[in-house]
Amino acid sequence: MIIFLAAHFSRGNHNVLAIASLLIPFLFFVKQKWVILTLEIVAYLASVIWLYGAYGYIQLRISTGDDWLRLLIIMGCVALYTAWTGFFLRSDKIKEVYGIDG
């Protein structure tokens, strides 16, 4: 998913964000509590970015008279999957590995 987010940023000519998003998975190597919270926030923000991008792409498709429903379904699923990833970071196994109480 991170590669797709980097490609999304790169397509929009936001190369710094593309490189930063490619570096995000390396945070998993740091076994600190703040890492999971940071990654969870990143996942939720990425979900919002997908929805914002979907809105823009759908507006473009509507203005050109192209089909936009399939795009809505695909981008909506990507946003939901990304948000689910953030929710998954609250699992008991992740909390155990990173030493998070509760």
C-alpha atoms as a PDB file:
ATOM      1  CA  MET A   1       0.000   0.000   0.000  1.00  0.00           C
ATOM      2  CA  ILE A   2       2.879   2.353   0.785  1.00  0.00           C
ATOM      3  CA  ILE A   3       4.251   1.931  -2.736  1.00  0.00           C
ATOM      4  CA  PHE A   4       0.902   2.985  -4.185  1.00  0.00           C
ATOM      5  CA  LEU A   5       0.821   6.010  -1.895  1.00  0.00           C
ATOM      6  CA  ALA A   6       4.333   6.959  -3.009  1.00  0.00           C
ATOM      7  CA  ALA A   7       3.276   6.564  -6.638  1.00  0.00           C
ATOM      8  CA  HIS A   8       0.235   8.746  -5.957  1.00  0.00           C
ATOM      9  CA  PHE A   9       2.455  11.486  -4.517  1.00  0.00           C
ATOM     10  CA  SER A  10       4.967  11.105  -7.327  1.00  0.00           C
ATOM     11  CA  ARG A  11       2.226  11.438  -9.947  1.00  0.00           C
ATOM     12  CA  GLY A  12       1.208  14.705  -8.315  1.00  0.00           C
ATOM     13  CA  ASN A  13       4.843  15.877  -8.429  1.00  0.00           C
ATOM     14  CA  HIS A  14       5.177  15.729  -4.618  1.00  0.00           C
ATOM     15  CA  ASN A  15       8.496  13.919  -4.646  1.00  0.00           C
ATOM     16  CA  VAL A  16       9.433  14.732  -1.044  1.00  0.00           C
ATOM     17  CA  LEU A  17       6.190  13.136   0.163  1.00  0.00           C
ATOM     18  CA  ALA A  18       6.795  10.161  -2.137  1.00  0.00           C
ATOM     19  CA  ILE A  19      10.242   9.551  -0.655  1.00  0.00           C
ATOM     20  CA  ALA A  20       8.987  10.112   2.894  1.00  0.00           C
ATOM     21  CA  SER A  21       6.184   7.614   2.391  1.00  0.00           C
ATOM     22  CA  LEU A  22       8.682   5.025   1.128  1.00  0.00           C
ATOM     23  CA  LEU A  23      10.676   5.452   4.338  1.00  0.00           C
ATOM     24  CA  ILE A  24       7.673   4.949   6.641  1.00  0.00           C
ATOM     25  CA  PRO A  25       7.832   1.116   6.762  1.00  0.00           C
ATOM     26  CA  PHE A  26      11.322   1.314   8.250  1.00  0.00           C
ATOM     27  CA  LEU A  27       9.718   2.637  11.436  1.00  0.00           C
ATOM     28  CA  PHE A  28       8.573  -0.932  12.139  1.00  0.00           C
ATOM     29  CA  PHE A  29      12.172  -1.737  13.062  1.00  0.00           C
ATOM     30  CA  VAL A  30      11.984   0.691  15.992  1.00  0.00           C
ATOM     31  CA  LYS A  31      10.318  -1.127  18.872  1.00  0.00           C
ATOM     32  CA  GLN A  32       8.881   1.916  20.635  1.00  0.00           C
ATOM     33  CA  LYS A  33       5.328   2.769  21.660  1.00  0.00           C
ATOM     34  CA  TRP A  34       5.291   6.020  19.709  1.00  0.00           C
ATOM     35  CA  VAL A  35       5.990   4.155  16.464  1.00  0.00           C
ATOM     36  CA  ILE A  36       2.659   2.336  16.482  1.00  0.00           C
ATOM     37  CA  LEU A  37       0.751   5.529  17.217  1.00  0.00           C
ATOM     38  CA  THR A  38       2.640   7.299  14.421  1.00  0.00           C
ATOM     39  CA  LEU A  39       1.981   4.479  11.955  1.00  0.00           C
ATOM     40  CA  GLU A  40      -1.679   4.394  12.934  1.00  0.00           C
ATOM     41  CA  ILE A  41      -2.017   8.126  12.320  1.00  0.00           C
ATOM     42  CA  VAL A  42      -0.204   7.767   8.994  1.00  0.00           C
ATOM     43  CA  ALA A  43      -2.613   5.002   7.955  1.00  0.00           C
ATOM     44  CA  TYR A  44      -5.656   7.119   8.793  1.00  0.00           C
ATOM     45  CA  LEU A  45      -4.182  10.156   7.025  1.00  0.00           C
ATOM     46  CA  ALA A  46      -3.359   8.016   4.000  1.00  0.00           C
ATOM     47  CA  SER A  47      -6.985   6.901   3.932  1.00  0.00           C
ATOM     48  CA  VAL A  48      -8.076  10.536   3.856  1.00  0.00           C
ATOM     49  CA  ILE A  49      -5.551  11.213   1.075  1.00  0.00           C
ATOM     50  CA  TRP A  50      -7.064   8.379  -0.972  1.00  0.00           C
ATOM     51  CA  LEU A  51     -10.548   9.803  -0.480  1.00  0.00           C
ATOM     52  CA  TYR A  52      -9.398  13.306  -1.409  1.00  0.00           C
ATOM     53  CA  GLY A  53      -7.675  11.939  -4.501  1.00  0.00           C
ATOM     54  CA  ALA A  54     -10.765   9.940  -5.404  1.00  0.00           C
ATOM     55  CA  TYR A  55     -12.878  13.073  -5.170  1.00  0.00           C
ATOM     56  CA  GLY A  56     -10.568  14.928  -7.545  1.00  0.00           C
ATOM     57  CA  TYR A  57     -10.369  12.074 -10.024  1.00  0.00           C
ATOM     58  CA  ILE A  58     -14.137  11.586  -9.953  1.00  0.00           C
ATOM     59  CA  GLN A  59     -14.702  15.289 -10.599  1.00  0.00           C
ATOM     60  CA  LEU A  60     -12.361  15.043 -13.575  1.00  0.00           C
ATOM     61  CA  ARG A  61     -14.172  12.008 -14.933  1.00  0.00           C
ATOM     62  CA  ILE A  62     -17.577  13.640 -14.496  1.00  0.00           C
ATOM     63  CA  SER A  63     -16.409  16.787 -16.303  1.00  0.00           C
ATOM     64  CA  THR A  64     -15.178  14.735 -19.260  1.00  0.00           C
ATOM     65  CA  GLY A  65     -18.294  12.561 -19.318  1.00  0.00           C
ATOM     66  CA  ASP A  66     -16.404   9.364 -18.499  1.00  0.00           C
ATOM     67  CA  ASP A  67     -17.590   6.544 -16.240  1.00  0.00           C
ATOM     68  CA  TRP A  68     -16.708   7.297 -12.627  1.00  0.00           C
ATOM     69  CA  LEU A  69     -18.533   4.614 -10.614  1.00  0.00           C
ATOM     70  CA  ARG A  70     -15.786   1.997 -10.995  1.00  0.00           C
ATOM     71  CA  LEU A  71     -13.212   4.556  -9.885  1.00  0.00           C
ATOM     72  CA  LEU A  72     -15.323   5.341  -6.823  1.00  0.00           C
ATOM     73  CA  ILE A  73     -15.555   1.664  -5.900  1.00  0.00           C
ATOM     74  CA  ILE A  74     -11.834   1.010  -6.352  1.00  0.00           C
ATOM     75  CA  MET A  75     -10.636   4.123  -4.536  1.00  0.00           C
ATOM     76  CA  GLY A  76     -13.230   3.606  -1.796  1.00  0.00           C
ATOM     77  CA  CYS A  77     -11.964   0.067  -1.236  1.00  0.00           C
ATOM     78  CA  VAL A  78      -8.374   1.293  -1.134  1.00  0.00           C
ATOM     79  CA  ALA A  79      -9.309   3.946   1.440  1.00  0.00           C
ATOM     80  CA  LEU A  80     -11.202   1.394   3.546  1.00  0.00           C
ATOM     81  CA  TYR A  81      -8.305  -1.061   3.388  1.00  0.00           C
ATOM     82  CA  THR A  82      -5.870   1.648   4.441  1.00  0.00           C
ATOM     83  CA  ALA A  83      -8.098   2.673   7.354  1.00  0.00           C
ATOM     84  CA  TRP A  84      -8.406  -1.003   8.326  1.00  0.00           C
ATOM     85  CA  THR A  85      -4.610  -1.145   8.444  1.00  0.00           C
ATOM     86  CA  GLY A  86      -4.636   1.630  11.038  1.00  0.00           C
ATOM     87  CA  PHE A  87      -7.239  -0.277  13.026  1.00  0.00           C
ATOM     88  CA  PHE A  88      -5.128  -3.460  12.788  1.00  0.00           C
ATOM     89  CA  LEU A  89      -2.241  -1.644  14.459  1.00  0.00           C
ATOM     90  CA  ARG A  90      -4.301  -1.747  17.666  1.00  0.00           C
ATOM     91  CA  SER A  91      -4.331  -5.568  17.741  1.00  0.00           C
ATOM     92  CA  ASP A  92      -3.129  -7.497  20.778  1.00  0.00           C
ATOM     93  CA  LYS A  93      -0.205  -9.031  18.872  1.00  0.00           C
ATOM     94  CA  ILE A  94       1.104  -5.618  17.842  1.00  0.00           C
ATOM     95  CA  LYS A  95       0.691  -4.331  21.393  1.00  0.00           C
ATOM     96  CA  GLU A  96       2.602  -7.354  22.676  1.00  0.00           C
ATOM     97  CA  VAL A  97       5.496  -6.902  20.244  1.00  0.00           C
ATOM     98  CA  TYR A  98       5.826  -3.180  20.902  1.00  0.00           C
ATOM     99  CA  GLY A  99       5.222  -3.390  24.655  1.00  0.00           C
ATOM    100  CA  ILE A 100       2.057  -1.327  24.762  1.00  0.00           C
ATOM    101  CA  ASP A 101      -0.099  -1.756  27.847  1.00  0.00           C
ATOM    102  CA  GLY A 102      -3.872  -2.156  27.624  1.00  0.00           C
END
